[in-house]
Amino acid sequence: MADKTSKDLALTPAQREAGKAFHGASTKKPKTEYDKAQEAFRKNYERLRAERLERDAAKSKEK
């Protein structure tokens, strides 16, 4: 059996692209119910915070 050289082990550009496409799909974990709830809470919290800051800024301009 012949020794493999680095040229034999090199990937073609098409193989690299295919590896990138499949790598992302295999490493992502499905979201749990807890993660979904946390994400919804964080989005709502940020929305409410932005609204509060906007109201506070309007009040300070009013005075």
N, C-alpha and C. Protein backbone atom coordinates (compact mmCIF):
# COMPACT_ATOMS: atom_id res chain seq x y z
N MET A 1 0.85 -1.18 0.00
CA MET A 1 0.00 0.00 0.00
C MET A 1 0.89 1.24 0.00
N ALA A 2 0.61 2.15 -0.89
CA ALA A 2 1.44 3.34 -1.03
C ALA A 2 1.05 4.37 0.01
N ASP A 3 2.05 5.17 0.42
CA ASP A 3 1.77 6.26 1.35
C ASP A 3 0.98 7.34 0.62
N LYS A 4 0.01 7.90 1.33
CA LYS A 4 -0.78 8.97 0.73
C LYS A 4 -0.06 10.29 0.94
N THR A 5 0.01 11.06 -0.10
CA THR A 5 0.64 12.37 0.00
C THR A 5 -0.43 13.41 0.30
N SER A 6 0.01 14.61 0.62
CA SER A 6 -0.93 15.67 0.92
C SER A 6 -1.80 15.98 -0.30
N LYS A 7 -1.26 15.75 -1.48
CA LYS A 7 -2.03 15.99 -2.70
C LYS A 7 -3.20 15.01 -2.79
N ASP A 8 -2.99 13.78 -2.35
CA ASP A 8 -4.06 12.79 -2.37
C ASP A 8 -5.14 13.12 -1.35
N LEU A 9 -4.78 13.77 -0.25
CA LEU A 9 -5.72 14.08 0.81
C LEU A 9 -6.42 15.42 0.62
N ALA A 10 -5.95 16.24 -0.32
CA ALA A 10 -6.53 17.57 -0.53
C ALA A 10 -7.94 17.45 -1.10
N LEU A 11 -8.81 18.33 -0.63
CA LEU A 11 -10.19 18.33 -1.10
C LEU A 11 -10.33 19.26 -2.29
N THR A 12 -11.23 18.90 -3.15
CA THR A 12 -11.51 19.76 -4.28
C THR A 12 -12.41 20.89 -3.80
N PRO A 13 -12.50 21.99 -4.53
CA PRO A 13 -13.39 23.08 -4.11
C PRO A 13 -14.84 22.61 -3.94
N ALA A 14 -15.29 21.71 -4.79
CA ALA A 14 -16.66 21.21 -4.68
C ALA A 14 -16.84 20.41 -3.39
N GLN A 15 -15.84 19.62 -3.02
CA GLN A 15 -15.92 18.85 -1.79
C GLN A 15 -15.92 19.76 -0.57
N ARG A 16 -15.14 20.83 -0.62
CA ARG A 16 -15.12 21.79 0.50
C ARG A 16 -16.48 22.47 0.66
N GLU A 17 -17.08 22.88 -0.44
CA GLU A 17 -18.40 23.53 -0.39
C GLU A 17 -19.45 22.57 0.16
N ALA A 18 -19.40 21.32 -0.29
CA ALA A 18 -20.36 20.33 0.21
C ALA A 18 -20.16 20.10 1.70
N GLY A 19 -18.93 20.07 2.14
CA GLY A 19 -18.64 19.90 3.56
C GLY A 19 -19.17 21.05 4.38
N LYS A 20 -19.05 22.27 3.87
CA LYS A 20 -19.57 23.44 4.59
C LYS A 20 -21.09 23.37 4.70
N ALA A 21 -21.74 22.94 3.63
CA ALA A 21 -23.21 22.89 3.62
C ALA A 21 -23.71 21.86 4.63
N PHE A 22 -23.07 20.70 4.69
CA PHE A 22 -23.52 19.65 5.59
C PHE A 22 -23.05 19.88 7.01
N HIS A 23 -21.96 20.57 7.20
CA HIS A 23 -21.43 20.81 8.55
C HIS A 23 -22.41 21.64 9.37
N GLY A 24 -22.96 22.68 8.80
CA GLY A 24 -23.89 23.54 9.53
C GLY A 24 -25.15 22.81 9.95
N ALA A 25 -25.63 21.93 9.11
CA ALA A 25 -26.86 21.21 9.41
C ALA A 25 -26.66 20.18 10.51
N SER A 26 -25.50 19.58 10.57
CA SER A 26 -25.29 18.52 11.56
C SER A 26 -24.92 19.05 12.94
N THR A 27 -24.43 20.27 13.04
CA THR A 27 -24.00 20.78 14.33
C THR A 27 -25.10 21.53 15.08
N LYS A 28 -26.16 21.91 14.39
CA LYS A 28 -27.23 22.65 15.06
C LYS A 28 -28.11 21.67 15.83
N LYS A 29 -28.39 22.03 17.08
CA LYS A 29 -29.27 21.20 17.90
C LYS A 29 -30.69 21.73 17.78
N PRO A 30 -31.66 20.86 17.82
CA PRO A 30 -33.04 21.35 17.82
C PRO A 30 -33.32 22.10 19.12
N LYS A 31 -34.11 23.15 19.03
CA LYS A 31 -34.40 23.96 20.21
C LYS A 31 -35.36 23.22 21.13
N THR A 32 -35.07 23.31 22.40
CA THR A 32 -35.96 22.73 23.40
C THR A 32 -37.07 23.73 23.70
N GLU A 33 -38.09 23.28 24.39
CA GLU A 33 -39.18 24.18 24.77
C GLU A 33 -38.64 25.30 25.66
N TYR A 34 -37.70 24.97 26.52
CA TYR A 34 -37.10 25.97 27.41
C TYR A 34 -36.39 27.04 26.59
N ASP A 35 -35.60 26.62 25.60
CA ASP A 35 -34.88 27.57 24.76
C ASP A 35 -35.84 28.48 23.99
N LYS A 36 -36.93 27.89 23.49
CA LYS A 36 -37.92 28.69 22.77
C LYS A 36 -38.56 29.72 23.70
N ALA A 37 -38.89 29.30 24.91
CA ALA A 37 -39.49 30.22 25.88
C ALA A 37 -38.52 31.33 26.25
N GLN A 38 -37.25 30.99 26.45
CA GLN A 38 -36.24 31.99 26.79
C GLN A 38 -36.06 32.99 25.67
N GLU A 39 -36.05 32.51 24.44
CA GLU A 39 -35.89 33.41 23.29
C GLU A 39 -37.09 34.36 23.19
N ALA A 40 -38.31 33.83 23.38
CA ALA A 40 -39.51 34.67 23.33
C ALA A 40 -39.48 35.70 24.45
N PHE A 41 -39.07 35.30 25.64
CA PHE A 41 -38.98 36.22 26.77
C PHE A 41 -37.98 37.33 26.47
N ARG A 42 -36.81 36.96 25.95
CA ARG A 42 -35.77 37.95 25.66
C ARG A 42 -36.21 38.96 24.61
N LYS A 43 -36.89 38.47 23.56
CA LYS A 43 -37.38 39.38 22.52
C LYS A 43 -38.43 40.34 23.08
N ASN A 44 -39.34 39.81 23.89
CA ASN A 44 -40.38 40.66 24.48
C ASN A 44 -39.76 41.68 25.44
N TYR A 45 -38.79 41.24 26.24
CA TYR A 45 -38.11 42.11 27.18
C TYR A 45 -37.42 43.27 26.44
N GLU A 46 -36.72 42.96 25.37
CA GLU A 46 -36.03 43.98 24.59
C GLU A 46 -37.03 44.95 23.95
N ARG A 47 -38.15 44.44 23.46
CA ARG A 47 -39.16 45.30 22.86
C ARG A 47 -39.74 46.27 23.90
N LEU A 48 -40.08 45.73 25.07
CA LEU A 48 -40.64 46.58 26.12
C LEU A 48 -39.61 47.60 26.63
N ARG A 49 -38.36 47.19 26.71
CA ARG A 49 -37.30 48.09 27.16
C ARG A 49 -37.15 49.25 26.17
N ALA A 50 -37.16 48.93 24.87
CA ALA A 50 -37.03 49.96 23.85
C ALA A 50 -38.21 50.94 23.92
N GLU A 51 -39.41 50.40 24.13
CA GLU A 51 -40.58 51.28 24.25
C GLU A 51 -40.46 52.19 25.47
N ARG A 52 -39.99 51.65 26.59
CA ARG A 52 -39.85 52.45 27.81
C ARG A 52 -38.81 53.55 27.61
N LEU A 53 -37.70 53.22 27.01
CA LEU A 53 -36.66 54.22 26.76
C LEU A 53 -37.17 55.31 25.83
N GLU A 54 -37.98 54.91 24.85
CA GLU A 54 -38.55 55.89 23.93
C GLU A 54 -39.50 56.84 24.67
N ARG A 55 -40.34 56.29 25.56
CA ARG A 55 -41.25 57.12 26.34
C ARG A 55 -40.47 58.06 27.25
N ASP A 56 -39.42 57.54 27.90
CA ASP A 56 -38.61 58.38 28.80
C ASP A 56 -37.94 59.51 28.03
N ALA A 57 -37.45 59.21 26.83
CA ALA A 57 -36.81 60.24 26.02
C ALA A 57 -37.83 61.31 25.61
N ALA A 58 -39.04 60.90 25.29
CA ALA A 58 -40.08 61.85 24.90
C ALA A 58 -40.47 62.73 26.09
N LYS A 59 -40.52 62.15 27.28
CA LYS A 59 -40.84 62.93 28.49
C LYS A 59 -39.77 63.96 28.78
N SER A 60 -38.51 63.58 28.62
CA SER A 60 -37.42 64.51 28.93
C SER A 60 -37.38 65.66 27.92
N LYS A 61 -37.75 65.40 26.67
CA LYS A 61 -37.80 66.46 25.65
C LYS A 61 -38.98 67.39 25.92
N GLU A 62 -40.02 66.84 26.48
CA GLU A 62 -41.24 67.60 26.77
C GLU A 62 -41.00 68.64 27.86
N LYS A 63 -40.16 68.33 28.81
CA LYS A 63 -39.93 69.23 29.95
C LYS A 63 -39.07 70.41 29.59
